[in-house]
Amino acid sequence: MPQPAEHRLNHLLLLWIIILTLGQLAFVAFYFTAGQRGSTKPDPVLGKMLTFKATQAAAHTKTIEWIGKNEDPDLISAEKKSLSIKKDGNYFLCLQVTLDTEYSHRGTQHTVSLNKNSETFLEGRINTNLSISTGFMGKIDQLSSEDTLMVTIHPSATINGSLLVTYLDVIYLPKRSTTI
């Protein structure tokens, strides 16, 4: 049977555990709700995904022409041999180029370049001894409304125009405002 002094210590220990528990609950509640003060609604991120398909080009092309599968002319417009950026933002570009098997010559090496304003932005190689495709190439960068994108292949080649093997996918995310 516990002594009266032990009863007091048990009660004191129980009170101390209750105080610590309440303190932890208050800390967790303030921690998760502190970031929500001052903003009444969350800032939505309105992104967009676009896909461009290579046109069925004539044999031995140097610049790939694109047509939009799901176009948004307010975001990117497909012109003859280039894509014009219409909105500033963050762009994730995914490119794959595949040569046409009928016209590809074994033993040649092709360089596929995604150019931004006439400067190489992304580059891949095709060695026809091993493969007839660049494989998946991707890059993310901030682009401005004056930028143009162009895909070139050197030396010139005939590409497979199927959307399954030759495509340029674009994921657009707007720039977030940095107001404090």
Protein backbone atom coordinates (compact mmCIF):
# COMPACT_ATOMS: atom_id res chain seq x y z
CA MET A 1 0.00 0.00 0.00
CA PRO A 2 1.44 3.39 -1.01
CA GLN A 3 2.36 5.89 1.65
CA PRO A 4 0.62 9.30 1.78
CA ALA A 5 3.81 11.01 0.49
CA GLU A 6 3.79 8.69 -2.52
CA HIS A 7 0.14 9.63 -3.23
CA ARG A 8 1.13 13.28 -3.39
CA LEU A 9 4.02 12.52 -5.74
CA ASN A 10 1.72 10.45 -8.00
CA HIS A 11 -0.77 13.31 -8.15
CA LEU A 12 2.01 15.81 -8.85
CA LEU A 13 3.39 13.58 -11.63
CA LEU A 14 -0.08 13.16 -13.14
CA LEU A 15 -0.62 16.95 -13.07
CA TRP A 16 2.79 17.50 -14.74
CA ILE A 17 1.91 15.00 -17.55
CA ILE A 18 -1.42 16.78 -18.13
CA ILE A 19 0.32 20.17 -18.37
CA LEU A 20 2.89 18.82 -20.85
CA THR A 21 0.18 17.18 -22.97
CA LEU A 22 -1.85 20.41 -23.14
CA GLY A 23 1.31 22.31 -24.10
CA GLN A 24 2.03 19.89 -26.94
CA LEU A 25 -1.55 20.10 -28.22
CA ALA A 26 -1.40 23.91 -28.21
CA PHE A 27 1.96 23.88 -30.03
CA VAL A 28 0.69 21.51 -32.74
CA ALA A 29 -2.51 23.56 -33.21
CA PHE A 30 -0.59 26.85 -33.54
CA TYR A 31 2.05 25.29 -35.78
CA PHE A 32 -0.46 24.09 -38.39
CA THR A 33 -2.72 27.16 -38.31
CA ALA A 34 -0.08 29.92 -38.19
CA GLY A 35 0.63 29.77 -41.95
CA GLN A 36 -3.02 30.31 -42.81
CA ARG A 37 -3.37 33.72 -41.16
CA GLY A 38 -3.63 36.62 -43.53
CA SER A 39 -4.69 34.59 -46.56
CA THR A 40 -8.32 33.79 -47.01
CA LYS A 41 -7.96 31.42 -49.94
CA PRO A 42 -5.10 29.34 -51.31
CA ASP A 43 -3.15 30.65 -54.31
CA PRO A 44 -4.19 28.46 -57.26
CA VAL A 45 -1.56 27.26 -59.71
CA LEU A 46 -3.08 27.22 -63.14
CA GLY A 47 -0.82 25.24 -65.41
CA LYS A 48 -1.37 23.87 -68.88
CA MET A 49 -0.12 20.89 -70.87
CA LEU A 50 0.33 21.10 -74.63
CA THR A 51 1.44 18.52 -77.19
CA PHE A 52 2.95 19.27 -80.58
CA LYS A 53 3.18 16.71 -83.36
CA ALA A 54 5.74 16.79 -86.16
CA THR A 55 4.23 17.34 -89.57
CA GLN A 56 4.77 14.67 -92.19
CA ALA A 57 7.82 16.42 -93.57
CA ALA A 58 9.42 15.85 -96.92
CA ALA A 59 12.56 13.77 -97.11
CA HIS A 60 15.75 15.28 -95.76
CA THR A 61 14.45 18.05 -93.55
CA LYS A 62 16.72 20.21 -91.40
CA THR A 63 14.06 21.96 -89.33
CA ILE A 64 11.09 20.10 -87.89
CA GLU A 65 7.71 21.74 -88.36
CA TRP A 66 5.16 21.30 -85.54
CA ILE A 67 1.38 21.37 -85.37
CA GLY A 68 -0.49 21.54 -82.10
CA LYS A 69 -2.55 18.60 -80.97
CA ASN A 70 -4.21 20.69 -78.25
CA GLU A 71 -3.24 24.26 -79.06
CA ASP A 72 -3.49 27.35 -76.90
CA PRO A 73 -2.55 30.33 -79.11
CA ASP A 74 -2.46 32.60 -76.04
CA LEU A 75 0.37 30.48 -74.63
CA ILE A 76 2.36 29.08 -77.60
CA SER A 77 1.69 29.50 -81.29
CA ALA A 78 3.03 27.12 -83.91
CA GLU A 79 4.43 29.02 -86.85
CA LYS A 80 6.08 27.53 -89.95
CA LYS A 81 9.30 26.18 -88.48
CA SER A 82 9.20 27.55 -84.94
CA LEU A 83 7.08 27.86 -81.83
CA SER A 84 6.54 31.34 -80.39
CA ILE A 85 6.14 31.74 -76.65
CA LYS A 86 3.33 34.16 -75.78
CA LYS A 87 3.41 34.13 -71.94
CA ASP A 88 6.23 34.45 -69.44
CA GLY A 89 6.52 31.48 -67.11
CA ASN A 90 8.19 28.20 -66.26
CA TYR A 91 8.16 25.68 -69.09
CA PHE A 92 8.99 21.98 -68.90
CA LEU A 93 9.88 20.83 -72.41
CA CYS A 94 9.88 17.13 -73.34
CA LEU A 95 11.24 16.22 -76.76
CA GLN A 96 11.71 12.97 -78.64
CA VAL A 97 12.64 12.66 -82.32
CA THR A 98 12.67 9.40 -84.26
CA LEU A 99 13.97 8.91 -87.79
CA ASP A 100 11.92 7.18 -90.44
CA THR A 101 13.23 3.63 -90.79
CA GLU A 102 12.71 3.66 -94.55
CA TYR A 103 15.10 6.59 -95.09
CA SER A 104 17.62 6.18 -92.27
CA HIS A 105 21.08 5.03 -93.30
CA ARG A 106 23.04 2.80 -90.93
CA GLY A 107 26.27 4.22 -89.61
CA THR A 108 25.27 7.88 -89.63
CA GLN A 109 25.09 10.10 -86.59
CA HIS A 110 22.51 12.88 -86.33
CA THR A 111 22.35 15.74 -83.85
CA VAL A 112 18.92 16.94 -82.78
CA SER A 113 18.88 20.40 -81.21
CA LEU A 114 16.11 22.33 -79.49
CA ASN A 115 17.08 25.96 -80.03
CA LYS A 116 15.83 28.91 -78.00
CA ASN A 117 16.32 32.18 -79.90
CA SER A 118 18.86 30.53 -82.24
CA GLU A 119 20.99 29.18 -79.36
CA THR A 120 21.15 25.50 -78.45
CA PHE A 121 18.94 24.86 -75.44
CA LEU A 122 18.80 21.05 -75.46
CA GLU A 123 20.71 18.57 -77.60
CA GLY A 124 20.58 14.85 -78.29
CA ARG A 125 22.26 12.48 -80.69
CA ILE A 126 21.06 9.59 -82.83
CA ASN A 127 23.58 6.93 -83.84
CA THR A 128 21.79 4.81 -86.43
CA ASN A 129 24.00 1.79 -85.65
CA LEU A 130 22.32 1.63 -82.23
CA SER A 131 18.97 3.39 -82.47
CA ILE A 132 16.88 5.64 -84.67
CA SER A 133 15.56 7.79 -81.80
CA THR A 134 16.94 10.40 -79.42
CA GLY A 135 14.97 8.88 -76.57
CA PHE A 136 13.28 11.14 -74.07
CA MET A 137 14.92 14.53 -73.55
CA GLY A 138 13.59 17.06 -71.09
CA LYS A 139 14.46 20.41 -69.58
CA ILE A 140 12.76 23.04 -67.45
CA ASP A 141 13.47 26.75 -67.74
CA GLN A 142 11.88 30.16 -67.49
CA LEU A 143 10.87 31.45 -70.90
CA SER A 144 9.68 34.92 -71.79
CA SER A 145 7.08 36.09 -74.26
CA GLU A 146 9.71 37.06 -76.85
CA ASP A 147 11.30 33.59 -77.03
CA THR A 148 11.05 31.27 -80.03
CA LEU A 149 11.77 27.55 -80.07
CA MET A 150 13.01 25.60 -83.09
CA VAL A 151 14.02 21.95 -83.46
CA THR A 152 16.76 21.20 -85.98
CA ILE A 153 18.41 17.98 -87.12
CA HIS A 154 21.90 17.81 -88.61
CA PRO A 155 22.67 16.33 -91.06
CA SER A 156 19.22 16.54 -92.57
CA ALA A 157 17.05 13.44 -92.30
CA THR A 158 13.52 12.16 -92.77
CA ILE A 159 11.68 11.88 -89.48
CA ASN A 160 8.86 9.61 -88.42
CA GLY A 161 5.89 11.94 -88.02
CA SER A 162 3.89 9.65 -85.71
CA LEU A 163 2.87 11.29 -82.42
CA LEU A 164 3.90 8.12 -80.60
CA VAL A 165 7.59 8.50 -81.46
CA THR A 166 8.19 12.15 -82.42
CA TYR A 167 6.68 14.81 -80.20
CA LEU A 168 7.28 17.99 -78.23
CA ASP A 169 5.31 18.18 -74.99
CA VAL A 170 5.13 21.41 -73.04
CA ILE A 171 4.03 21.84 -69.45
CA TYR A 172 3.46 25.47 -68.53
CA LEU A 173 3.42 26.82 -64.98
CA PRO A 174 2.94 30.56 -64.40
CA LYS A 175 5.50 32.51 -62.42
CA ARG A 176 4.45 32.88 -58.81
CA SER A 177 4.20 36.39 -57.43
CA THR A 178 6.71 37.05 -54.66
CA THR A 179 4.82 39.64 -52.65
CA ILE A 180 5.54 39.69 -48.95
